Every structure is written in C-alpha cells, then in structure tokens.
Protein backbone atom coordinates (compact mmCIF):
# COMPACT_ATOMS: atom_id res chain seq x y z
CA MET A 1 -31.30 -77.84 -95.04
CA PRO A 2 -28.79 -79.54 -92.17
CA THR A 3 -30.14 -81.08 -89.33
CA GLN A 4 -30.12 -79.45 -86.01
CA SER A 5 -29.76 -81.79 -82.80
CA LEU A 6 -31.92 -80.39 -79.94
CA LYS A 7 -31.23 -80.97 -76.36
CA GLN A 8 -30.79 -85.01 -75.29
CA GLU A 9 -33.77 -86.06 -72.86
CA LYS A 10 -32.77 -87.39 -69.07
CA ILE A 11 -31.92 -91.00 -69.35
CA SER A 12 -30.92 -93.34 -66.76
CA LYS A 13 -28.06 -95.82 -68.37
CA ILE A 14 -26.79 -94.70 -71.37
CA HIS A 15 -25.09 -96.90 -74.27
CA GLN A 16 -24.00 -95.63 -77.74
CA ASP A 17 -24.42 -98.56 -80.56
CA PRO A 18 -21.53 -97.85 -84.02
CA GLN A 19 -23.98 -95.65 -85.57
CA GLY A 20 -24.05 -93.31 -83.09
CA ILE A 21 -27.68 -93.25 -81.38
CA LEU A 22 -28.40 -93.24 -77.46
CA THR A 23 -30.42 -96.00 -75.99
CA GLN A 24 -31.73 -95.82 -73.01
CA THR A 25 -32.04 -99.83 -70.82
CA LYS A 26 -34.73 -99.87 -68.22
CA THR A 27 -34.66 -102.88 -65.75
CA ASP A 28 -37.68 -104.63 -64.05
CA GLN A 29 -37.84 -105.46 -60.58
CA ASP A 30 -39.36 -108.79 -60.10
CA SER A 31 -38.82 -108.78 -56.09
CA PRO A 32 -36.60 -106.36 -53.92
CA GLY A 33 -33.02 -106.54 -54.38
CA ILE A 34 -33.81 -108.91 -57.34
CA LEU A 35 -33.35 -106.76 -60.73
CA THR A 36 -33.68 -108.63 -63.98
CA GLU A 37 -32.73 -106.92 -67.80
CA SER A 38 -35.37 -105.89 -69.97
CA LYS A 39 -35.03 -104.40 -73.41
CA PRO A 40 -34.84 -100.99 -73.99
CA VAL A 41 -37.43 -99.03 -74.43
CA LEU A 42 -36.67 -94.62 -75.56
CA ILE A 43 -34.32 -93.19 -77.44
CA SER A 44 -33.48 -89.52 -76.64
CA SER A 45 -32.36 -87.92 -79.91
CA LYS A 46 -34.02 -84.84 -82.05
CA GLU A 47 -33.62 -83.44 -84.94
CA TYR A 48 -34.96 -81.07 -87.52
CA LYS A 49 -35.61 -83.33 -90.68
CA HIS A 50 -37.01 -83.10 -94.25
CA ILE A 51 -39.48 -86.11 -94.31
CA LYS A 52 -41.19 -87.07 -97.70
CA LEU A 53 -44.85 -86.98 -97.26
CA GLU A 54 -45.77 -90.41 -98.45
CA ASP A 55 -43.44 -91.53 -95.97
CA ILE A 56 -45.53 -90.01 -92.99
CA ILE A 57 -47.84 -92.16 -91.13
CA ILE A 58 -51.37 -90.17 -89.19
CA TYR A 59 -51.70 -91.77 -85.79
CA ASN A 60 -54.72 -91.67 -84.47
CA GLY A 61 -54.80 -93.75 -81.82
CA ILE A 62 -55.06 -90.64 -79.66
CA LEU A 63 -56.85 -87.62 -81.32
CA ASP A 64 -54.78 -84.34 -82.83
CA TYR A 65 -54.91 -81.43 -80.80
CA ILE A 66 -57.30 -78.62 -81.50
CA GLU A 67 -55.28 -75.43 -81.14
CA PRO A 68 -52.53 -75.18 -83.65
CA LYS A 69 -48.80 -75.46 -83.04
CA PRO A 70 -47.16 -72.50 -82.51
CA SER A 71 -44.23 -73.96 -84.56
CA ALA A 72 -44.85 -74.80 -88.10
CA PHE A 73 -43.00 -77.74 -88.04
CA PRO A 74 -44.67 -81.56 -87.40
CA ALA A 75 -43.55 -83.65 -84.63
CA ILE A 76 -42.95 -86.58 -86.36
CA VAL A 77 -42.06 -89.95 -84.00
CA LYS A 78 -38.93 -91.96 -85.82
CA THR A 79 -39.75 -96.18 -84.94
CA PRO A 80 -37.08 -98.16 -87.07
CA SER A 81 -39.47 -98.91 -89.55
CA LYS A 82 -42.04 -95.99 -89.76
CA HIS A 83 -42.65 -92.47 -89.58
CA PHE A 84 -45.69 -91.48 -87.36
CA CYS A 85 -46.94 -87.75 -87.19
CA VAL A 86 -48.14 -87.40 -83.78
CA ASP A 87 -48.89 -83.22 -83.47
CA GLY A 88 -49.66 -81.27 -86.42
CA GLN A 89 -51.58 -83.47 -88.51
CA TYR A 90 -52.82 -80.03 -90.62
CA LEU A 91 -49.55 -79.12 -91.55
CA ILE A 92 -49.41 -82.43 -93.20
CA GLN A 93 -52.48 -81.90 -94.83
CA LYS A 94 -51.74 -78.88 -96.30
CA ALA A 95 -48.48 -79.76 -97.17
CA THR A 96 -50.20 -82.34 -99.39
CA ILE A 97 -53.06 -80.07 -100.73
CA GLU A 98 -49.76 -77.47 -101.85
CA LYS A 99 -48.39 -80.66 -103.53
CA LYS A 100 -45.19 -80.59 -101.61
CA SER A 101 -43.05 -83.58 -101.43
CA SER A 102 -41.66 -83.40 -98.29
CA ILE A 103 -41.94 -81.32 -95.44
CA LEU A 104 -39.28 -79.82 -92.20
CA CYS A 105 -40.61 -81.99 -89.29
CA LEU A 106 -39.30 -82.15 -85.54
CA VAL A 107 -38.28 -85.86 -85.47
CA ILE A 108 -38.44 -87.57 -82.34
CA HIS A 109 -36.05 -91.23 -82.79
CA ILE A 110 -37.34 -94.05 -80.69
CA ASN A 111 -36.05 -97.32 -80.81
CA THR A 112 -38.95 -99.41 -80.22
CA ASP A 113 -42.27 -100.13 -82.46
CA SER A 114 -44.52 -100.16 -79.46
CA GLU A 115 -48.13 -98.37 -80.24
CA LEU A 116 -47.59 -97.73 -76.38
CA GLU A 117 -44.74 -95.59 -77.10
CA ILE A 118 -46.35 -93.55 -79.59
CA ALA A 119 -49.67 -93.37 -78.01
CA ILE A 120 -47.25 -91.52 -75.00
CA GLN A 121 -45.42 -89.10 -77.02
CA LYS A 122 -48.58 -87.77 -78.70
CA ALA A 123 -50.27 -87.49 -75.49
CA THR A 124 -47.46 -86.28 -73.43
CA ILE A 125 -45.65 -83.84 -76.13
CA ARG A 126 -47.46 -80.67 -75.61
CA CYS A 127 -46.70 -81.14 -71.86
CA ILE A 128 -42.77 -81.31 -71.85
CA SER A 129 -42.33 -79.20 -74.77
CA ASP A 130 -42.60 -75.50 -75.62
CA GLU A 131 -45.43 -76.40 -78.33
CA GLY A 132 -48.49 -74.77 -76.42
CA MET A 133 -50.27 -76.53 -73.75
CA PRO A 134 -53.69 -79.15 -74.69
CA ILE A 135 -56.75 -77.45 -73.28
CA PHE A 136 -57.77 -78.97 -70.17
CA PRO A 137 -60.20 -81.48 -71.68
CA GLU A 138 -57.75 -82.62 -73.96
CA LEU A 139 -55.25 -83.57 -70.72
CA VAL A 140 -58.25 -85.23 -69.04
CA ARG A 141 -59.24 -87.57 -72.50
CA ASN A 142 -55.64 -88.31 -73.00
CA CYS A 143 -55.05 -89.42 -69.53
CA LYS A 144 -57.50 -91.71 -69.64
CA LYS A 145 -57.38 -92.91 -73.03
CA LEU A 146 -53.77 -93.56 -72.06
CA LEU A 147 -54.74 -95.75 -69.15
CA GLU A 148 -57.43 -97.56 -71.16
CA ILE A 149 -54.46 -98.77 -73.66
CA PHE A 150 -52.11 -99.58 -70.52
CA LEU A 151 -55.25 -101.65 -68.92
CA THR A 152 -55.11 -104.01 -72.76
CA THR A 153 -52.24 -105.18 -72.10
CA THR A 154 -50.06 -107.19 -69.86
CA GLU A 155 -46.60 -104.74 -70.62
CA ASN A 156 -44.79 -103.63 -67.47
CA PRO A 157 -45.42 -99.71 -67.16
CA MET A 158 -41.99 -99.43 -65.86
CA LEU A 159 -40.28 -99.90 -69.30
CA TYR A 160 -41.81 -96.55 -70.31
CA SER A 161 -40.21 -94.65 -67.28
CA HIS A 162 -38.10 -91.41 -68.13
CA GLY A 163 -36.23 -92.68 -64.88
CA GLY A 164 -34.49 -90.10 -62.66
CA ASN A 165 -35.74 -89.82 -58.96
CA ARG A 166 -38.47 -87.02 -59.16
CA LYS A 167 -40.31 -86.71 -56.23
CA GLY A 168 -43.00 -89.15 -55.83
CA ILE A 169 -42.32 -91.53 -58.47
CA GLN A 170 -42.09 -94.46 -56.74
CA TYR A 171 -42.87 -97.44 -58.48
CA ASP A 172 -44.57 -101.21 -56.70
CA PRO A 173 -43.92 -104.21 -57.93
CA ALA A 174 -47.47 -105.77 -56.62
CA ASN A 175 -49.91 -102.76 -58.34
CA ARG A 176 -49.78 -102.90 -61.84
CA GLU A 177 -52.77 -99.77 -62.28
CA ASN A 178 -50.99 -97.73 -59.84
CA ASN A 179 -48.23 -98.15 -61.29
CA ILE A 180 -49.43 -96.78 -64.94
CA ARG A 181 -50.42 -93.78 -62.79
CA VAL A 182 -46.87 -93.30 -61.80
CA LEU A 183 -45.57 -93.96 -65.20
CA LEU A 184 -48.31 -91.27 -66.73
CA ALA A 185 -46.99 -88.80 -64.02
CA ASP A 186 -43.66 -89.34 -64.79
CA ARG A 187 -43.82 -88.80 -68.57
CA TYR A 188 -46.35 -86.06 -68.07
CA GLY A 189 -43.86 -84.00 -65.55
CA LYS A 190 -47.07 -83.74 -63.23
CA SER A 191 -47.76 -84.99 -59.40
CA VAL A 192 -49.55 -88.74 -59.31
CA SER A 193 -52.11 -86.67 -57.52
CA THR A 194 -52.81 -84.72 -60.06
CA ILE A 195 -52.89 -87.77 -63.02
CA ASN A 196 -55.46 -88.82 -60.69
CA LYS A 197 -57.30 -85.64 -61.10
CA TYR A 198 -57.71 -85.83 -65.00
CA LEU A 199 -58.41 -89.96 -64.52
CA ASN A 200 -61.51 -88.78 -61.93
CA TYR A 201 -62.90 -86.34 -63.79
CA GLY A 202 -62.60 -88.95 -67.38
CA GLU A 203 -64.57 -91.75 -65.80
CA TYR A 204 -67.43 -92.91 -66.36
CA ILE A 205 -67.25 -90.42 -69.64
CA ASN A 206 -67.86 -91.79 -73.45
CA GLU A 207 -65.12 -91.07 -76.39
CA GLY A 208 -68.68 -89.05 -78.00
CA THR A 209 -69.10 -86.76 -74.77
CA LEU A 210 -65.56 -85.73 -74.40
CA GLU A 211 -65.13 -85.03 -77.81
CA THR A 212 -68.04 -82.58 -77.24
CA ILE A 213 -66.68 -81.15 -74.22
CA ILE A 214 -63.36 -80.61 -75.87
CA GLN A 215 -64.85 -78.80 -79.18
CA SER A 216 -66.96 -75.97 -76.19
CA LYS A 217 -63.11 -75.51 -74.76
CA VAL A 218 -64.20 -75.45 -71.23
CA GLY A 219 -61.65 -75.32 -68.87
CA LYS A 220 -61.24 -76.85 -65.85
CA LYS A 221 -63.93 -74.92 -63.36
CA TYR A 222 -66.31 -76.85 -65.55
CA PHE A 223 -65.05 -80.40 -64.62
CA GLU A 224 -64.59 -78.98 -60.94
CA ALA A 225 -68.36 -77.32 -61.37
CA ALA A 226 -69.18 -80.99 -62.40
CA ALA A 227 -67.83 -82.97 -59.96
CA SER A 228 -70.42 -82.89 -56.84
CA ASN A 229 -73.25 -83.81 -59.42
CA LYS A 230 -70.77 -86.31 -60.60
CA ARG A 231 -70.05 -88.39 -57.32
CA ARG A 232 -73.86 -88.37 -56.49
CA LEU A 233 -74.80 -89.18 -59.85
CA ILE A 234 -72.46 -92.59 -59.68
CA LYS A 235 -72.76 -93.36 -55.85
CA ASN A 236 -77.00 -93.54 -56.78
CA LEU A 237 -76.20 -95.65 -59.92
CA LYS A 238 -74.39 -98.04 -58.02
CA SER A 239 -76.63 -98.04 -55.05
CA GLU A 240 -79.13 -99.36 -58.03
CA GLU A 241 -76.42 -102.32 -58.96
CA LYS A 242 -76.60 -100.24 -62.62
CA ASP A 243 -73.72 -101.99 -64.38
CA GLU A 244 -70.66 -100.02 -65.96
CA ASP A 245 -71.88 -99.67 -69.37
CA CYS A 246 -75.30 -98.08 -68.21
CA ILE A 247 -73.52 -95.88 -65.42
CA SER A 248 -71.02 -94.88 -68.07
CA LYS A 249 -74.28 -94.09 -70.22
CA LYS A 250 -76.28 -92.00 -67.95
CA VAL A 251 -72.37 -90.14 -66.53
CA SER A 252 -72.21 -88.78 -70.19
CA VAL A 253 -75.57 -87.76 -71.10
CA TYR A 254 -75.77 -85.90 -67.69
CA MET A 255 -72.25 -84.18 -68.42
CA GLY A 256 -73.60 -83.26 -71.60
CA HIS A 257 -76.56 -80.98 -70.07
CA TRP A 258 -74.02 -79.55 -67.60
CA LEU A 259 -72.05 -78.89 -70.11
CA GLN A 260 -75.25 -76.88 -71.85
CA GLU A 261 -75.82 -75.25 -68.57
CA TRP A 262 -72.16 -74.45 -67.91
CA CYS A 263 -72.39 -72.36 -71.04
CA GLU A 264 -75.21 -70.79 -70.77
CA CYS A 265 -74.98 -69.42 -67.45
CA GLY A 266 -72.05 -67.90 -68.52
CA LYS A 267 -69.37 -70.37 -66.82
CA LYS A 268 -70.78 -69.87 -63.27
CA LYS A 269 -72.40 -72.66 -61.72
CA ILE A 270 -74.43 -76.17 -62.53
CA THR A 271 -77.60 -76.95 -60.65
CA PRO A 272 -77.05 -79.61 -57.90
CA ILE A 273 -78.34 -82.73 -59.17
CA ASN A 274 -81.94 -83.95 -57.51
CA PHE A 275 -82.88 -88.00 -57.42
CA GLU A 276 -86.53 -87.66 -56.92
CA SER A 277 -86.84 -88.00 -61.04
CA HIS A 278 -85.02 -90.63 -62.60
CA ALA A 279 -85.54 -88.98 -65.75
CA ILE A 280 -82.86 -87.11 -68.44
CA PRO A 281 -83.21 -83.21 -67.63
CA VAL A 282 -84.92 -81.42 -71.04
CA ASN A 283 -83.61 -77.91 -71.38
CA THR A 284 -85.44 -75.20 -70.99
CA ARG A 285 -83.40 -72.56 -69.94
CA CYS A 286 -83.13 -71.32 -73.36
CA GLN A 287 -87.09 -70.79 -73.55
CA ILE A 288 -87.80 -67.27 -74.21
CA ASP A 289 -91.70 -65.81 -74.12
CA LEU A 290 -91.97 -62.95 -76.69
CA PRO A 291 -94.88 -61.21 -77.61
CA THR A 292 -96.23 -62.52 -80.54
CA VAL A 293 -97.66 -58.81 -81.55
CA PHE A 294 -94.52 -56.54 -82.04
CA GLY A 295 -96.04 -53.03 -81.86
CA HIS A 296 -93.50 -50.00 -82.51
CA GLN A 297 -93.05 -47.67 -79.67
CA GLY A 298 -91.05 -45.30 -81.05
CA GLU A 299 -86.80 -46.21 -80.70
CA VAL A 300 -86.84 -49.37 -80.04
CA GLU A 301 -83.79 -50.43 -82.64
CA HIS A 302 -81.32 -51.18 -79.56
CA GLU A 303 -84.78 -53.12 -77.57
CA GLU A 304 -84.92 -55.30 -81.31
CA GLU A 305 -80.70 -55.90 -80.90
CA GLN A 306 -81.03 -57.08 -78.02
CA SER A 307 -84.13 -59.31 -78.69
CA GLU A 308 -82.49 -61.08 -82.02
CA GLN A 309 -79.25 -60.95 -79.87
CA SER A 310 -81.09 -63.64 -77.30
CA LEU A 311 -82.51 -65.52 -79.54
CA ARG A 312 -79.95 -66.32 -81.55
CA GLN A 313 -77.42 -67.38 -78.59
CA ALA A 314 -80.47 -69.78 -77.49
CA LEU A 315 -80.48 -71.21 -80.86
CA GLN A 316 -76.65 -72.05 -80.82
CA SER A 317 -77.62 -73.70 -76.85
CA PHE A 318 -79.89 -75.41 -78.38
CA GLY A 319 -77.37 -76.58 -81.53
CA LEU A 320 -75.07 -77.58 -78.78
CA ALA A 321 -77.44 -79.72 -77.04
CA ILE A 322 -78.51 -81.70 -79.80
CA TYR A 323 -74.98 -82.06 -81.22
CA THR A 324 -74.54 -83.29 -77.50
CA ASN A 325 -77.53 -86.19 -77.63
CA LEU A 326 -76.00 -87.28 -81.59
CA ASN A 327 -72.53 -87.97 -80.10
CA ASN A 328 -74.03 -89.96 -76.50
CA GLU A 329 -73.48 -93.53 -76.78
CA SER A 330 -77.66 -93.84 -75.52
CA TYR A 331 -78.95 -92.33 -79.12
CA GLY A 332 -81.32 -94.35 -80.63
CA THR A 333 -82.70 -95.20 -77.44
CA ASP A 334 -86.93 -94.07 -77.59
CA GLU A 335 -85.58 -91.51 -74.30
CA SER A 336 -82.73 -90.35 -77.08
CA PHE A 337 -85.48 -89.49 -79.70
CA GLU A 338 -87.76 -87.55 -77.42
CA GLN A 339 -85.53 -85.50 -76.25
CA LEU A 340 -84.37 -85.03 -80.13
CA LYS A 341 -87.99 -83.92 -81.09
CA GLU A 342 -88.02 -81.74 -78.01
CA GLN A 343 -85.54 -80.03 -78.95
CA PHE A 344 -85.73 -79.44 -82.41
CA SER A 345 -89.45 -78.13 -81.71
CA GLN A 346 -88.11 -75.50 -79.73
CA VAL A 347 -85.70 -74.81 -82.31
CA ILE A 348 -88.27 -74.59 -85.15
CA THR A 349 -89.89 -72.08 -82.40
CA LEU A 350 -86.98 -69.48 -81.82
CA SER A 351 -86.55 -69.44 -85.56
CA ASN A 352 -89.96 -68.21 -86.19
CA LYS A 353 -90.08 -65.45 -83.43
CA LEU A 354 -86.39 -64.65 -85.24
CA ASN A 355 -88.19 -63.95 -88.29
CA ALA A 356 -90.87 -61.77 -86.76
CA ILE A 357 -88.47 -59.77 -85.20
CA LYS A 358 -86.69 -59.28 -88.96
CA GLU A 359 -90.16 -58.33 -90.52
CA VAL A 360 -90.96 -55.51 -87.95
CA VAL A 361 -88.38 -53.64 -89.15
C-alpha cells in the first residue's frame, strides 16, 4: 500500500536534507540578545506505513491509554535507529497473536533517540490528534511523569518546544522548572495554568494510587472534590515536619479512600477531613445490617432483588478498597495489614448475608 503523507506540523525553522526529510533547528538563549545554536530535535513528517512486528518496541516509560484508539493503526515513533509504539499496544499484540508479519501504522519521524521526546510523543499524542482524548486522570499522570523525567536530566526544555508564538508561551532562562511547565503547555496545546492544575492534582500521589484512580475512570470533578482535603492534609503533614516520602504515602492512602467514598456516594461528595484523629480512615459506609432471619411476608421479590443488589454493590466497593490498599506504597506496614484484615472480614460478612438471601428463595 503506498504511503500517505500527513499535514506538516508547524515549525520555526525548516531545513531539507538531501533525502527530503524536513527537520527543525532550535536555538538556545543564554542571555538576552545572545542565541547559541543547538542540535535539531524534532522532525515534522508523518506517514502511514507497514512496519514489521519484529521491529516494533513497546515504549512503557509512560503506560498505555486505558481506552482503545478510534482508528486501527498503532502510532509508531521512528527514531534514527528504532521504532517505538506509543499508542495502540493492544493492536500490536493482536497482530502478533494472529501471526502477522507486519501491521499498517501511523509513523511519526523524529531525528533523535532521546527518550524524552518519545515520552512527550506518547503523553501528548491523543491531545494533539483525532485519536480520542485521554481520560482526565491520564492527563494528570502523564504530566506528572513528564515533569519527573525532565527533572532527572539537565537538558534544556526549550529544545523540545514546537516553536511558534502562541499566547502565554514564554520561556525564562533563569527558571528551568517553570520552563518545563511552559514546554508541557506548548506540546499539549494547553495554557500554562491548565498544566499547573494537572501537576497540582498529581502532586504527592504515588504511581499505584494514580493507576487505581485511572482504572476507576473518574473525571475532573473527583480531583476538584478532593483538592481541599488534600491541601489541608499536606499542610498538616508539613507542619509536623514529615518528609516528602511520608507525605506521599499518606496522601496516596487518603486519595484512595476518598476515591472509594466518591464512587460509593454516586460521585457527589467527599467528607471533609478531620485531624482530631491521625488514624487512616477505615471504610464503614458499606456495612449493611440485614435481619438474620428472613420471614416470608407475601410478595417480597422486588425487595429481595434490592437487598441482593445493594450487597453486591457493597462487595464491589470493598474490592476497590482492597485493590487500593494493595497498590499503596505503605502496604506491608502493621497499619495496612490491620486495614486489610478489617476489609476482608467485611467481605466475608457481606458474602454470608448474600448467600442467606439466596437460600430464602
């Protein structure tokens, strides 16, 4: 099948090499009015092309999106030496199971082997294309991950900019972390204030808890509902001079419990935090006190169905709570074991009640 070129992305300076590849040359500003040339980072060409499955590497520096792509073409970032799948990993796996030798892909050419650029491509691909938007927690996770990756390097974030003069995109040579945030806004096509909100929502939440939140598919309103509690919790922990690791563990545990409450109450509210007790909250909202003896009182079929349904919902809630605890970094402490024992006890109690309902029929 002949390849199909797509629309060229906007770039600041374009050069064409003898092979016809378009590249972008970026510049670095050391001080006002003085520009130093730096290596080109981005390439603007895209095409649909068959790629051998054996040549495709799954990039897992940022996890795959939870929702499938609208199109049936995996997105591949082609560096000078390798092919990295940045979206549609399940399509690669499906083709492998079907014993195909190649698959038609959307190929994005870049002229660098930088993992940073590959990570940016994966984190932003659904925000700058028609391949479907990420769910909100994925935006939070991916922005947080990109910031962390940048902070582990000494590279200038301006090298990864798309260029242009979009309103609000201004770099400050004296503030590297702020420049990273500006770069993320540039690549996401968002305002800096929006990027800052994503990063604030993800602050102090560990990867395990973020993945639990993503699996629940909650939206922006959950983060907004938890924001006040989270700020108060962080302020309280800092006033107690807790270190960053301790703050992250505590915040992650509480975010898991607030997620559970949010899902149980129909995504309407989260109870304001109470600092009178430093004990991690134990879920008691799902405890259902049903009569131990079920006497037949005529037409009770609908009532029975409601009781069974409520018990099943309660079991699902405890399942989410247990999953959250197992994914928290604090798992393994005496505190977490006590929580799990309590939750498993509740599961057994609810299961017995559910069986009792079925035996009455």
